[in-house]
Amino acid sequence: MTACQNECHPSGSYVAIFFSIHYVLKAEQLLKGASIPLDVVPVPREISGDCGMAITFDPSRFGEVQSILAAADIAIARIFCKEAEGVFREIAWKSDS
């Protein structure tokens, strides 16, 4: 398990993209149940032209988010750091490719 919180600007946030809306909704339920602050947002157009939803959260909570979702067998497709309005950088977070 790789911690990535140092890879994002301190004032930035993580944007997690999932493989389906079902996973977004289940992840939202689990993370809110664990008192992890998050927002469900449309996938930013700077990341993808596809319609869909994503979850944003504080990078310092990444380890908790990853553990909770892995325990529920919910896969994160991609994670981006939102560094500024309209500026996103993909985070290499998987320990195995």
PDB file of N, CA and C in Angstrom:
ATOM      1  N   MET A   1       0.862  -1.175   0.000  1.00  0.00           N
ATOM      2  CA  MET A   1       0.000   0.000   0.000  1.00  0.00           C
ATOM      3  C   MET A   1       0.900   1.227   0.000  1.00  0.00           C
ATOM      4  N   THR A   2       0.699   2.113  -0.944  1.00  0.00           N
ATOM      5  CA  THR A   2       1.529   3.294  -1.087  1.00  0.00           C
ATOM      6  C   THR A   2       0.770   4.522  -0.631  1.00  0.00           C
ATOM      7  N   ALA A   3       1.374   5.293   0.266  1.00  0.00           N
ATOM      8  CA  ALA A   3       0.751   6.549   0.705  1.00  0.00           C
ATOM      9  C   ALA A   3       1.145   7.639  -0.266  1.00  0.00           C
ATOM     10  N   CYS A   4       0.169   8.425  -0.685  1.00  0.00           N
ATOM     11  CA  CYS A   4       0.418   9.420  -1.720  1.00  0.00           C
ATOM     12  C   CYS A   4       0.193  10.843  -1.244  1.00  0.00           C
ATOM     13  N   GLN A   5      -0.135  11.039   0.033  1.00  0.00           N
ATOM     14  CA  GLN A   5      -0.535  12.370   0.434  1.00  0.00           C
ATOM     15  C   GLN A   5       0.532  13.426   0.161  1.00  0.00           C
ATOM     16  N   ASN A   6       1.809  13.066   0.100  1.00  0.00           N
ATOM     17  CA  ASN A   6       2.851  14.040  -0.177  1.00  0.00           C
ATOM     18  C   ASN A   6       2.922  14.417  -1.652  1.00  0.00           C
ATOM     19  N   GLU A   7       2.172  13.743  -2.499  1.00  0.00           N
ATOM     20  CA  GLU A   7       2.222  14.002  -3.924  1.00  0.00           C
ATOM     21  C   GLU A   7       1.235  15.068  -4.373  1.00  0.00           C
ATOM     22  N   CYS A   8       0.429  15.588  -3.474  1.00  0.00           N
ATOM     23  CA  CYS A   8      -0.581  16.574  -3.836  1.00  0.00           C
ATOM     24  C   CYS A   8      -0.280  17.881  -3.121  1.00  0.00           C
ATOM     25  N   HIS A   9      -0.542  18.978  -3.778  1.00  0.00           N
ATOM     26  CA  HIS A   9      -0.371  20.299  -3.172  1.00  0.00           C
ATOM     27  C   HIS A   9      -1.152  20.345  -1.862  1.00  0.00           C
ATOM     28  N   PRO A  10      -0.588  20.952  -0.805  1.00  0.00           N
ATOM     29  CA  PRO A  10      -1.266  20.959   0.497  1.00  0.00           C
ATOM     30  C   PRO A  10      -2.706  21.481   0.470  1.00  0.00           C
ATOM     31  N   SER A  11      -2.995  22.404  -0.415  1.00  0.00           N
ATOM     32  CA  SER A  11      -4.366  22.925  -0.486  1.00  0.00           C
ATOM     33  C   SER A  11      -5.207  22.182  -1.523  1.00  0.00           C
ATOM     34  N   GLY A  12      -4.635  21.147  -2.128  1.00  0.00           N
ATOM     35  CA  GLY A  12      -5.341  20.397  -3.159  1.00  0.00           C
ATOM     36  C   GLY A  12      -6.271  19.358  -2.564  1.00  0.00           C
ATOM     37  N   SER A  13      -6.937  18.638  -3.445  1.00  0.00           N
ATOM     38  CA  SER A  13      -7.804  17.544  -3.022  1.00  0.00           C
ATOM     39  C   SER A  13      -7.651  16.401  -4.021  1.00  0.00           C
ATOM     40  N   TYR A  14      -8.007  15.207  -3.586  1.00  0.00           N
ATOM     41  CA  TYR A  14      -7.985  14.060  -4.475  1.00  0.00           C
ATOM     42  C   TYR A  14      -9.346  13.909  -5.135  1.00  0.00           C
ATOM     43  N   VAL A  15      -9.324  13.501  -6.391  1.00  0.00           N
ATOM     44  CA  VAL A  15     -10.536  13.187  -7.140  1.00  0.00           C
ATOM     45  C   VAL A  15     -10.404  11.720  -7.538  1.00  0.00           C
ATOM     46  N   ALA A  16     -11.262  10.883  -6.974  1.00  0.00           N
ATOM     47  CA  ALA A  16     -11.231   9.450  -7.260  1.00  0.00           C
ATOM     48  C   ALA A  16     -12.287   9.106  -8.296  1.00  0.00           C
ATOM     49  N   ILE A  17     -11.852   8.412  -9.339  1.00  0.00           N
ATOM     50  CA  ILE A  17     -12.723   7.976 -10.427  1.00  0.00           C
ATOM     51  C   ILE A  17     -12.941   6.470 -10.262  1.00  0.00           C
ATOM     52  N   PHE A  18     -14.180   6.038 -10.413  1.00  0.00           N
ATOM     53  CA  PHE A  18     -14.509   4.629 -10.234  1.00  0.00           C
ATOM     54  C   PHE A  18     -14.976   4.033 -11.559  1.00  0.00           C
ATOM     55  N   PHE A  19     -15.111   2.704 -11.583  1.00  0.00           N
ATOM     56  CA  PHE A  19     -15.490   2.006 -12.805  1.00  0.00           C
ATOM     57  C   PHE A  19     -16.975   2.095 -13.120  1.00  0.00           C
ATOM     58  N   SER A  20     -17.800   2.452 -12.136  1.00  0.00           N
ATOM     59  CA  SER A  20     -19.235   2.606 -12.391  1.00  0.00           C
ATOM     60  C   SER A  20     -19.859   3.494 -11.323  1.00  0.00           C
ATOM     61  N   ILE A  21     -21.037   4.016 -11.617  1.00  0.00           N
ATOM     62  CA  ILE A  21     -21.760   4.849 -10.656  1.00  0.00           C
ATOM     63  C   ILE A  21     -22.117   4.021  -9.421  1.00  0.00           C
ATOM     64  N   HIS A  22     -22.337   2.731  -9.595  1.00  0.00           N
ATOM     65  CA  HIS A  22     -22.624   1.853  -8.461  1.00  0.00           C
ATOM     66  C   HIS A  22     -21.486   1.920  -7.440  1.00  0.00           C
ATOM     67  N   TYR A  23     -20.241   1.883  -7.907  1.00  0.00           N
ATOM     68  CA  TYR A  23     -19.092   1.951  -7.009  1.00  0.00           C
ATOM     69  C   TYR A  23     -18.986   3.325  -6.353  1.00  0.00           C
ATOM     70  N   VAL A  24     -19.314   4.379  -7.093  1.00  0.00           N
ATOM     71  CA  VAL A  24     -19.292   5.729  -6.513  1.00  0.00           C
ATOM     72  C   VAL A  24     -20.271   5.803  -5.344  1.00  0.00           C
ATOM     73  N   LEU A  25     -21.480   5.330  -5.554  1.00  0.00           N
ATOM     74  CA  LEU A  25     -22.505   5.406  -4.512  1.00  0.00           C
ATOM     75  C   LEU A  25     -22.170   4.530  -3.311  1.00  0.00           C
ATOM     76  N   LYS A  26     -21.639   3.348  -3.557  1.00  0.00           N
ATOM     77  CA  LYS A  26     -21.249   2.462  -2.458  1.00  0.00           C
ATOM     78  C   LYS A  26     -20.065   3.064  -1.689  1.00  0.00           C
ATOM     79  N   ALA A  27     -19.092   3.608  -2.420  1.00  0.00           N
ATOM     80  CA  ALA A  27     -17.939   4.250  -1.764  1.00  0.00           C
ATOM     81  C   ALA A  27     -18.402   5.426  -0.915  1.00  0.00           C
ATOM     82  N   GLU A  28     -19.319   6.220  -1.446  1.00  0.00           N
ATOM     83  CA  GLU A  28     -19.844   7.357  -0.687  1.00  0.00           C
ATOM     84  C   GLU A  28     -20.461   6.870   0.628  1.00  0.00           C
ATOM     85  N   GLN A  29     -21.279   5.851   0.554  1.00  0.00           N
ATOM     86  CA  GLN A  29     -21.945   5.311   1.742  1.00  0.00           C
ATOM     87  C   GLN A  29     -20.920   4.824   2.773  1.00  0.00           C
ATOM     88  N   LEU A  30     -19.927   4.066   2.336  1.00  0.00           N
ATOM     89  CA  LEU A  30     -18.930   3.521   3.252  1.00  0.00           C
ATOM     90  C   LEU A  30     -18.069   4.613   3.875  1.00  0.00           C
ATOM     91  N   LEU A  31     -17.631   5.563   3.065  1.00  0.00           N
ATOM     92  CA  LEU A  31     -16.742   6.610   3.566  1.00  0.00           C
ATOM     93  C   LEU A  31     -17.470   7.563   4.507  1.00  0.00           C
ATOM     94  N   LYS A  32     -18.706   7.908   4.169  1.00  0.00           N
ATOM     95  CA  LYS A  32     -19.490   8.749   5.084  1.00  0.00           C
ATOM     96  C   LYS A  32     -19.733   8.013   6.397  1.00  0.00           C
ATOM     97  N   GLY A  33     -19.957   6.707   6.321  1.00  0.00           N
ATOM     98  CA  GLY A  33     -20.138   5.902   7.522  1.00  0.00           C
ATOM     99  C   GLY A  33     -18.905   5.891   8.406  1.00  0.00           C
ATOM    100  N   ALA A  34     -17.737   6.099   7.800  1.00  0.00           N
ATOM    101  CA  ALA A  34     -16.473   6.161   8.535  1.00  0.00           C
ATOM    102  C   ALA A  34     -16.093   7.602   8.882  1.00  0.00           C
ATOM    103  N   SER A  35     -17.024   8.527   8.692  1.00  0.00           N
ATOM    104  CA  SER A  35     -16.827   9.960   9.008  1.00  0.00           C
ATOM    105  C   SER A  35     -15.684  10.600   8.228  1.00  0.00           C
ATOM    106  N   ILE A  36     -15.514  10.174   6.972  1.00  0.00           N
ATOM    107  CA  ILE A  36     -14.518  10.799   6.102  1.00  0.00           C
ATOM    108  C   ILE A  36     -15.231  11.851   5.265  1.00  0.00           C
ATOM    109  N   PRO A  37     -14.846  13.115   5.421  1.00  0.00           N
ATOM    110  CA  PRO A  37     -15.482  14.180   4.634  1.00  0.00           C
ATOM    111  C   PRO A  37     -15.211  13.980   3.138  1.00  0.00           C
ATOM    112  N   LEU A  38     -16.251  14.117   2.332  1.00  0.00           N
ATOM    113  CA  LEU A  38     -16.112  13.935   0.889  1.00  0.00           C
ATOM    114  C   LEU A  38     -17.214  14.686   0.172  1.00  0.00           C
ATOM    115  N   ASP A  39     -17.036  14.815  -1.119  1.00  0.00           N
ATOM    116  CA  ASP A  39     -18.073  15.351  -1.995  1.00  0.00           C
ATOM    117  C   ASP A  39     -18.201  14.431  -3.193  1.00  0.00           C
ATOM    118  N   VAL A  40     -19.421  14.220  -3.641  1.00  0.00           N
ATOM    119  CA  VAL A  40     -19.659  13.512  -4.899  1.00  0.00           C
ATOM    120  C   VAL A  40     -19.892  14.592  -5.937  1.00  0.00           C
ATOM    121  N   VAL A  41     -19.078  14.555  -6.994  1.00  0.00           N
ATOM    122  CA  VAL A  41     -19.093  15.614  -8.009  1.00  0.00           C
ATOM    123  C   VAL A  41     -19.096  14.991  -9.405  1.00  0.00           C
ATOM    124  N   PRO A  42     -19.535  15.753 -10.398  1.00  0.00           N
ATOM    125  CA  PRO A  42     -19.365  15.268 -11.778  1.00  0.00           C
ATOM    126  C   PRO A  42     -17.869  15.134 -12.083  1.00  0.00           C
ATOM    127  N   VAL A  43     -17.519  14.132 -12.882  1.00  0.00           N
ATOM    128  CA  VAL A  43     -16.117  13.994 -13.281  1.00  0.00           C
ATOM    129  C   VAL A  43     -15.719  15.262 -14.025  1.00  0.00           C
ATOM    130  N   PRO A  44     -14.659  15.943 -13.574  1.00  0.00           N
ATOM    131  CA  PRO A  44     -14.250  17.189 -14.236  1.00  0.00           C
ATOM    132  C   PRO A  44     -13.928  16.965 -15.713  1.00  0.00           C
ATOM    133  N   ARG A  45     -14.340  17.869 -16.546  1.00  0.00           N
ATOM    134  CA  ARG A  45     -14.123  17.708 -17.989  1.00  0.00           C
ATOM    135  C   ARG A  45     -12.641  17.727 -18.337  1.00  0.00           C
ATOM    136  N   GLU A  46     -11.805  18.306 -17.466  1.00  0.00           N
ATOM    137  CA  GLU A  46     -10.358  18.299 -17.695  1.00  0.00           C
ATOM    138  C   GLU A  46      -9.784  16.890 -17.556  1.00  0.00           C
ATOM    139  N   ILE A  47     -10.513  16.010 -16.864  1.00  0.00           N
ATOM    140  CA  ILE A  47     -10.063  14.635 -16.671  1.00  0.00           C
ATOM    141  C   ILE A  47     -10.639  13.731 -17.745  1.00  0.00           C
ATOM    142  N   SER A  48     -11.935  13.869 -18.019  1.00  0.00           N
ATOM    143  CA  SER A  48     -12.595  12.986 -18.969  1.00  0.00           C
ATOM    144  C   SER A  48     -13.814  13.665 -19.562  1.00  0.00           C
ATOM    145  N   GLY A  49     -14.072  13.395 -20.814  1.00  0.00           N
ATOM    146  CA  GLY A  49     -15.255  13.913 -21.478  1.00  0.00           C
ATOM    147  C   GLY A  49     -16.484  13.058 -21.201  1.00  0.00           C
ATOM    148  N   ASP A  50     -16.264  11.899 -20.577  1.00  0.00           N
ATOM    149  CA  ASP A  50     -17.383  11.008 -20.260  1.00  0.00           C
ATOM    150  C   ASP A  50     -18.227  11.596 -19.142  1.00  0.00           C
ATOM    151  N   CYS A  51     -19.501  11.301 -19.199  1.00  0.00           N
ATOM    152  CA  CYS A  51     -20.376  11.666 -18.089  1.00  0.00           C
ATOM    153  C   CYS A  51     -20.106  10.684 -16.962  1.00  0.00           C
ATOM    154  N   GLY A  52     -20.208  11.136 -15.773  1.00  0.00           N
ATOM    155  CA  GLY A  52     -19.994  10.257 -14.637  1.00  0.00           C
ATOM    156  C   GLY A  52     -19.788  11.067 -13.380  1.00  0.00           C
ATOM    157  N   MET A  53     -19.663  10.365 -12.278  1.00  0.00           N
ATOM    158  CA  MET A  53     -19.484  11.002 -10.985  1.00  0.00           C
ATOM    159  C   MET A  53     -18.157  10.547 -10.394  1.00  0.00           C
ATOM    160  N   ALA A  54     -17.622  11.382  -9.515  1.00  0.00           N
ATOM    161  CA  ALA A  54     -16.360  11.101  -8.833  1.00  0.00           C
ATOM    162  C   ALA A  54     -16.509  11.504  -7.374  1.00  0.00           C
ATOM    163  N   ILE A  55     -15.563  11.094  -6.573  1.00  0.00           N
ATOM    164  CA  ILE A  55     -15.542  11.479  -5.166  1.00  0.00           C
ATOM    165  C   ILE A  55     -14.283  12.291  -4.913  1.00  0.00           C
ATOM    166  N   THR A  56     -14.456  13.432  -4.231  1.00  0.00           N
ATOM    167  CA  THR A  56     -13.307  14.233  -3.835  1.00  0.00           C
ATOM    168  C   THR A  56     -13.129  14.132  -2.326  1.00  0.00           C
ATOM    169  N   PHE A  57     -11.864  14.130  -1.900  1.00  0.00           N
ATOM    170  CA  PHE A  57     -11.563  14.040  -0.473  1.00  0.00           C
ATOM    171  C   PHE A  57     -10.170  14.600  -0.215  1.00  0.00           C
ATOM    172  N   ASP A  58      -9.867  14.815   1.055  1.00  0.00           N
ATOM    173  CA  ASP A  58      -8.579  15.367   1.463  1.00  0.00           C
ATOM    174  C   ASP A  58      -7.484  14.315   1.287  1.00  0.00           C
ATOM    175  N   PRO A  59      -6.348  14.677   0.677  1.00  0.00           N
ATOM    176  CA  PRO A  59      -5.267  13.714   0.464  1.00  0.00           C
ATOM    177  C   PRO A  59      -4.763  13.064   1.757  1.00  0.00           C
ATOM    178  N   SER A  60      -4.878  13.760   2.873  1.00  0.00           N
ATOM    179  CA  SER A  60      -4.390  13.193   4.136  1.00  0.00           C
ATOM    180  C   SER A  60      -5.215  11.980   4.569  1.00  0.00           C
ATOM    181  N   ARG A  61      -6.374  11.784   3.989  1.00  0.00           N
ATOM    182  CA  ARG A  61      -7.252  10.656   4.338  1.00  0.00           C
ATOM    183  C   ARG A  61      -7.099   9.483   3.361  1.00  0.00           C
ATOM    184  N   PHE A  62      -6.141   9.573   2.444  1.00  0.00           N
ATOM    185  CA  PHE A  62      -6.016   8.564   1.399  1.00  0.00           C
ATOM    186  C   PHE A  62      -5.847   7.151   1.950  1.00  0.00           C
ATOM    187  N   GLY A  63      -5.014   6.975   2.952  1.00  0.00           N
ATOM    188  CA  GLY A  63      -4.790   5.648   3.515  1.00  0.00           C
ATOM    189  C   GLY A  63      -6.076   5.035   4.039  1.00  0.00           C
ATOM    190  N   GLU A  64      -6.860   5.826   4.757  1.00  0.00           N
ATOM    191  CA  GLU A  64      -8.147   5.355   5.281  1.00  0.00           C
ATOM    192  C   GLU A  64      -9.099   5.009   4.144  1.00  0.00           C
ATOM    193  N   VAL A  65      -9.180   5.899   3.154  1.00  0.00           N
ATOM    194  CA  VAL A  65     -10.074   5.675   2.016  1.00  0.00           C
ATOM    195  C   VAL A  65      -9.700   4.384   1.307  1.00  0.00           C
ATOM    196  N   GLN A  66      -8.418   4.222   1.042  1.00  0.00           N
ATOM    197  CA  GLN A  66      -7.956   3.033   0.331  1.00  0.00           C
ATOM    198  C   GLN A  66      -8.274   1.761   1.125  1.00  0.00           C
ATOM    199  N   SER A  67      -8.045   1.777   2.431  1.00  0.00           N
ATOM    200  CA  SER A  67      -8.311   0.595   3.263  1.00  0.00           C
ATOM    201  C   SER A  67      -9.791   0.244   3.295  1.00  0.00           C
ATOM    202  N   ILE A  68     -10.640   1.241   3.482  1.00  0.00           N
ATOM    203  CA  ILE A  68     -12.087   1.014   3.560  1.00  0.00           C
ATOM    204  C   ILE A  68     -12.611   0.439   2.242  1.00  0.00           C
ATOM    205  N   LEU A  69     -12.187   1.036   1.134  1.00  0.00           N
ATOM    206  CA  LEU A  69     -12.674   0.576  -0.161  1.00  0.00           C
ATOM    207  C   LEU A  69     -12.129  -0.797  -0.521  1.00  0.00           C
ATOM    208  N   ALA A  70     -10.873  -1.059  -0.196  1.00  0.00           N
ATOM    209  CA  ALA A  70     -10.287  -2.378  -0.480  1.00  0.00           C
ATOM    210  C   ALA A  70     -11.005  -3.468   0.312  1.00  0.00           C
ATOM    211  N   ALA A  71     -11.353  -3.180   1.570  1.00  0.00           N
ATOM    212  CA  ALA A  71     -12.061  -4.158   2.395  1.00  0.00           C
ATOM    213  C   ALA A  71     -13.439  -4.490   1.820  1.00  0.00           C
ATOM    214  N   ALA A  72     -14.025  -3.529   1.110  1.00  0.00           N
ATOM    215  CA  ALA A  72     -15.339  -3.735   0.495  1.00  0.00           C
ATOM    216  C   ALA A  72     -15.225  -4.187  -0.961  1.00  0.00           C
ATOM    217  N   ASP A  73     -14.008  -4.419  -1.417  1.00  0.00           N
ATOM    218  CA  ASP A  73     -13.742  -4.846  -2.794  1.00  0.00           C
ATOM    219  C   ASP A  73     -14.250  -3.831  -3.819  1.00  0.00           C
ATOM    220  N   ILE A  74     -14.048  -2.553  -3.507  1.00  0.00           N
ATOM    221  CA  ILE A  74     -14.409  -1.482  -4.432  1.00  0.00           C
ATOM    222  C   ILE A  74     -13.112  -0.929  -5.021  1.00  0.00           C
ATOM    223  N   ALA A  75     -12.964  -1.080  -6.321  1.00  0.00           N
ATOM    224  CA  ALA A  75     -11.742  -0.656  -6.992  1.00  0.00           C
ATOM    225  C   ALA A  75     -11.847   0.790  -7.448  1.00  0.00           C
ATOM    226  N   ILE A  76     -10.779   1.531  -7.199  1.00  0.00           N
ATOM    227  CA  ILE A  76     -10.652   2.888  -7.720  1.00  0.00           C
ATOM    228  C   ILE A  76      -9.983   2.768  -9.087  1.00  0.00           C
ATOM    229  N   ALA A  77     -10.568   3.394 -10.096  1.00  0.00           N
ATOM    230  CA  ALA A  77      -9.991   3.313 -11.437  1.00  0.00           C
ATOM    231  C   ALA A  77      -8.766   4.227 -11.564  1.00  0.00           C
ATOM    232  N   ARG A  78      -8.925   5.493 -11.147  1.00  0.00           N
ATOM    233  CA  ARG A  78      -7.838   6.478 -11.257  1.00  0.00           C
ATOM    234  C   ARG A  78      -8.012   7.518 -10.162  1.00  0.00           C
ATOM    235  N   ILE A  79      -6.897   8.133  -9.768  1.00  0.00           N
ATOM    236  CA  ILE A  79      -6.938   9.216  -8.787  1.00  0.00           C
ATOM    237  C   ILE A  79      -6.158  10.392  -9.338  1.00  0.00           C
ATOM    238  N   PHE A  80      -6.737  11.574  -9.178  1.00  0.00           N
ATOM    239  CA  PHE A  80      -6.107  12.812  -9.610  1.00  0.00           C
ATOM    240  C   PHE A  80      -5.996  13.752  -8.427  1.00  0.00           C
ATOM    241  N   CYS A  81      -4.968  14.591  -8.469  1.00  0.00           N
ATOM    242  CA  CYS A  81      -4.860  15.674  -7.502  1.00  0.00           C
ATOM    243  C   CYS A  81      -5.373  16.933  -8.187  1.00  0.00           C
ATOM    244  N   LYS A  82      -6.342  17.573  -7.559  1.00  0.00           N
ATOM    245  CA  LYS A  82      -6.806  18.875  -8.051  1.00  0.00           C
ATOM    246  C   LYS A  82      -5.940  19.917  -7.367  1.00  0.00           C
ATOM    247  N   GLU A  83      -5.026  20.495  -8.140  1.00  0.00           N
ATOM    248  CA  GLU A  83      -4.057  21.432  -7.576  1.00  0.00           C
ATOM    249  C   GLU A  83      -4.523  22.877  -7.643  1.00  0.00           C
ATOM    250  N   ALA A  84      -5.384  23.165  -8.587  1.00  0.00           N
ATOM    251  CA  ALA A  84      -5.953  24.514  -8.742  1.00  0.00           C
ATOM    252  C   ALA A  84      -7.185  24.363  -9.610  1.00  0.00           C
ATOM    253  N   GLU A  85      -7.954  25.436  -9.749  1.00  0.00           N
ATOM    254  CA  GLU A  85      -9.155  25.373 -10.582  1.00  0.00           C
ATOM    255  C   GLU A  85      -8.769  24.970 -12.004  1.00  0.00           C
ATOM    256  N   GLY A  86      -9.278  23.837 -12.456  1.00  0.00           N
ATOM    257  CA  GLY A  86      -9.001  23.370 -13.812  1.00  0.00           C
ATOM    258  C   GLY A  86      -7.664  22.678 -13.985  1.00  0.00           C
ATOM    259  N   VAL A  87      -6.888  22.493 -12.899  1.00  0.00           N
ATOM    260  CA  VAL A  87      -5.571  21.862 -12.990  1.00  0.00           C
ATOM    261  C   VAL A  87      -5.591  20.538 -12.215  1.00  0.00           C
ATOM    262  N   PHE A  88      -5.466  19.434 -12.964  1.00  0.00           N
ATOM    263  CA  PHE A  88      -5.500  18.105 -12.371  1.00  0.00           C
ATOM    264  C   PHE A  88      -4.261  17.336 -12.795  1.00  0.00           C
ATOM    265  N   ARG A  89      -3.708  16.562 -11.873  1.00  0.00           N
ATOM    266  CA  ARG A  89      -2.540  15.733 -12.161  1.00  0.00           C
ATOM    267  C   ARG A  89      -2.821  14.327 -11.663  1.00  0.00           C
ATOM    268  N   GLU A  90      -2.657  13.335 -12.545  1.00  0.00           N
ATOM    269  CA  GLU A  90      -2.915  11.958 -12.125  1.00  0.00           C
ATOM    270  C   GLU A  90      -1.851  11.501 -11.130  1.00  0.00           C
ATOM    271  N   ILE A  91      -2.294  10.775 -10.112  1.00  0.00           N
ATOM    272  CA  ILE A  91      -1.422  10.266  -9.065  1.00  0.00           C
ATOM    273  C   ILE A  91      -1.169   8.780  -9.318  1.00  0.00           C
ATOM    274  N   ALA A  92       0.100   8.398  -9.336  1.00  0.00           N
ATOM    275  CA  ALA A  92       0.439   6.979  -9.422  1.00  0.00           C
ATOM    276  C   ALA A  92       0.355   6.420  -8.009  1.00  0.00           C
ATOM    277  N   TRP A  93      -0.703   5.679  -7.729  1.00  0.00           N
ATOM    278  CA  TRP A  93      -0.971   5.258  -6.367  1.00  0.00           C
ATOM    279  C   TRP A  93      -0.958   3.755  -6.146  1.00  0.00           C
ATOM    280  N   LYS A  94      -1.072   2.991  -7.203  1.00  0.00           N
ATOM    281  CA  LYS A  94      -1.135   1.545  -7.044  1.00  0.00           C
ATOM    282  C   LYS A  94       0.275   0.993  -6.816  1.00  0.00           C
ATOM    283  N   SER A  95       0.375   0.069  -5.858  1.00  0.00           N
ATOM    284  CA  SER A  95       1.676  -0.538  -5.586  1.00  0.00           C
ATOM    285  C   SER A  95       1.979  -1.654  -6.588  1.00  0.00           C
ATOM    286  N   ASP A  96       0.926  -2.179  -7.230  1.00  0.00           N
ATOM    287  CA  ASP A  96       1.124  -3.182  -8.275  1.00  0.00           C
ATOM    288  C   ASP A  96       0.321  -2.769  -9.495  1.00  0.00           C
ATOM    289  N   SER A  97       0.913  -2.863 -10.660  1.00  0.00           N
ATOM    290  CA  SER A  97       0.245  -2.391 -11.872  1.00  0.00           C
ATOM    291  C   SER A  97      -0.486  -3.492 -12.579  1.00  0.00           C
TER     292      SER A  97
END
